[in-house]
Amino acid sequence: MDAHRRPPKLMDRVKATMSVKRDSPRTEKTYCYWIRYFIRFHDVPHPASMGGSEVRAFLVPRCGTPGEATGKK
């Protein structure tokens, strides 16, 4: 066994997990799209270094704040 073997990349891990859960290929494609979009939104840092504040910065402009009505008049 190679001691310098790298762990699987994030997207490979996502796809493997979704395969085990038996999600549809279309669902997998959509999840992967939004994960890439989230990472690029934050100028491509390592996902392990991001947390709640990055998630809020990404979602609030798209979904509104929690408890806020999202319907537009």
Protein backbone atom coordinates (compact mmCIF):
# COMPACT_ATOMS: atom_id res chain seq x y z
CA MET A 1 0.00 0.00 0.00
CA ASP A 2 1.31 3.44 -0.92
CA ALA A 3 1.90 5.56 2.20
CA HIS A 4 1.67 8.78 0.15
CA ARG A 5 -1.72 8.06 -1.36
CA ARG A 6 -4.02 11.08 -1.27
CA PRO A 7 -7.56 10.83 0.04
CA PRO A 8 -10.31 11.02 -2.60
CA LYS A 9 -11.18 14.49 -3.86
CA LEU A 10 -14.34 16.16 -2.59
CA MET A 11 -16.42 15.65 -5.72
CA ASP A 12 -15.37 11.99 -5.93
CA ARG A 13 -16.49 11.56 -2.33
CA VAL A 14 -19.82 13.28 -3.04
CA LYS A 15 -20.47 11.08 -6.08
CA ALA A 16 -19.54 7.91 -4.18
CA THR A 17 -21.83 8.84 -1.29
CA MET A 18 -24.72 9.61 -3.62
CA SER A 19 -24.17 6.32 -5.42
CA VAL A 20 -24.34 4.41 -2.14
CA LYS A 21 -27.54 6.29 -1.26
CA ARG A 22 -28.86 5.34 -4.72
CA ASP A 23 -29.69 8.91 -5.68
CA SER A 24 -30.57 9.50 -9.30
CA PRO A 25 -27.85 10.67 -11.72
CA ARG A 26 -29.78 13.90 -12.23
CA THR A 27 -29.80 14.59 -8.47
CA GLU A 28 -26.06 13.88 -8.35
CA LYS A 29 -25.45 16.29 -11.22
CA THR A 30 -27.50 19.02 -9.51
CA TYR A 31 -25.76 18.59 -6.14
CA CYS A 32 -22.35 18.70 -7.81
CA TYR A 33 -23.32 21.88 -9.69
CA TRP A 34 -24.33 23.68 -6.47
CA ILE A 35 -21.24 22.48 -4.59
CA ARG A 36 -18.98 23.82 -7.36
CA TYR A 37 -20.95 27.08 -7.46
CA PHE A 38 -20.59 27.48 -3.66
CA ILE A 39 -16.82 26.86 -3.78
CA ARG A 40 -16.29 29.25 -6.70
CA PHE A 41 -18.44 31.90 -4.98
CA HIS A 42 -15.82 31.93 -2.20
CA ASP A 43 -12.82 32.06 -4.57
CA VAL A 44 -12.00 28.34 -4.33
CA PRO A 45 -10.76 27.84 -0.75
CA HIS A 46 -10.55 24.33 0.62
CA PRO A 47 -14.10 23.33 1.65
CA ALA A 48 -12.86 22.09 5.04
CA SER A 49 -11.84 25.65 5.91
CA MET A 50 -15.36 27.04 5.39
CA GLY A 51 -18.18 27.13 7.90
CA GLY A 52 -21.51 28.68 8.77
CA SER A 53 -20.58 32.25 7.89
CA GLU A 54 -19.66 31.22 4.34
CA VAL A 55 -22.90 29.27 3.98
CA ARG A 56 -24.92 32.30 5.15
CA ALA A 57 -23.02 34.64 2.79
CA PHE A 58 -23.88 32.30 -0.07
CA LEU A 59 -27.52 31.55 0.78
CA VAL A 60 -28.96 34.82 2.17
CA PRO A 61 -28.81 36.73 -1.15
CA ARG A 62 -30.47 33.75 -2.87
CA CYS A 63 -32.98 32.63 -0.24
CA GLY A 64 -33.38 35.45 2.27
CA THR A 65 -32.75 35.31 5.99
CA PRO A 66 -34.32 32.57 8.11
CA GLY A 67 -37.92 33.43 8.95
CA GLU A 68 -38.13 36.03 6.20
CA ALA A 69 -40.91 35.69 3.65
CA THR A 70 -39.34 34.86 0.30
CA GLY A 71 -42.34 35.72 -1.86
CA LYS A 72 -42.00 38.88 -3.91
CA LYS A 73 -44.88 41.29 -4.29
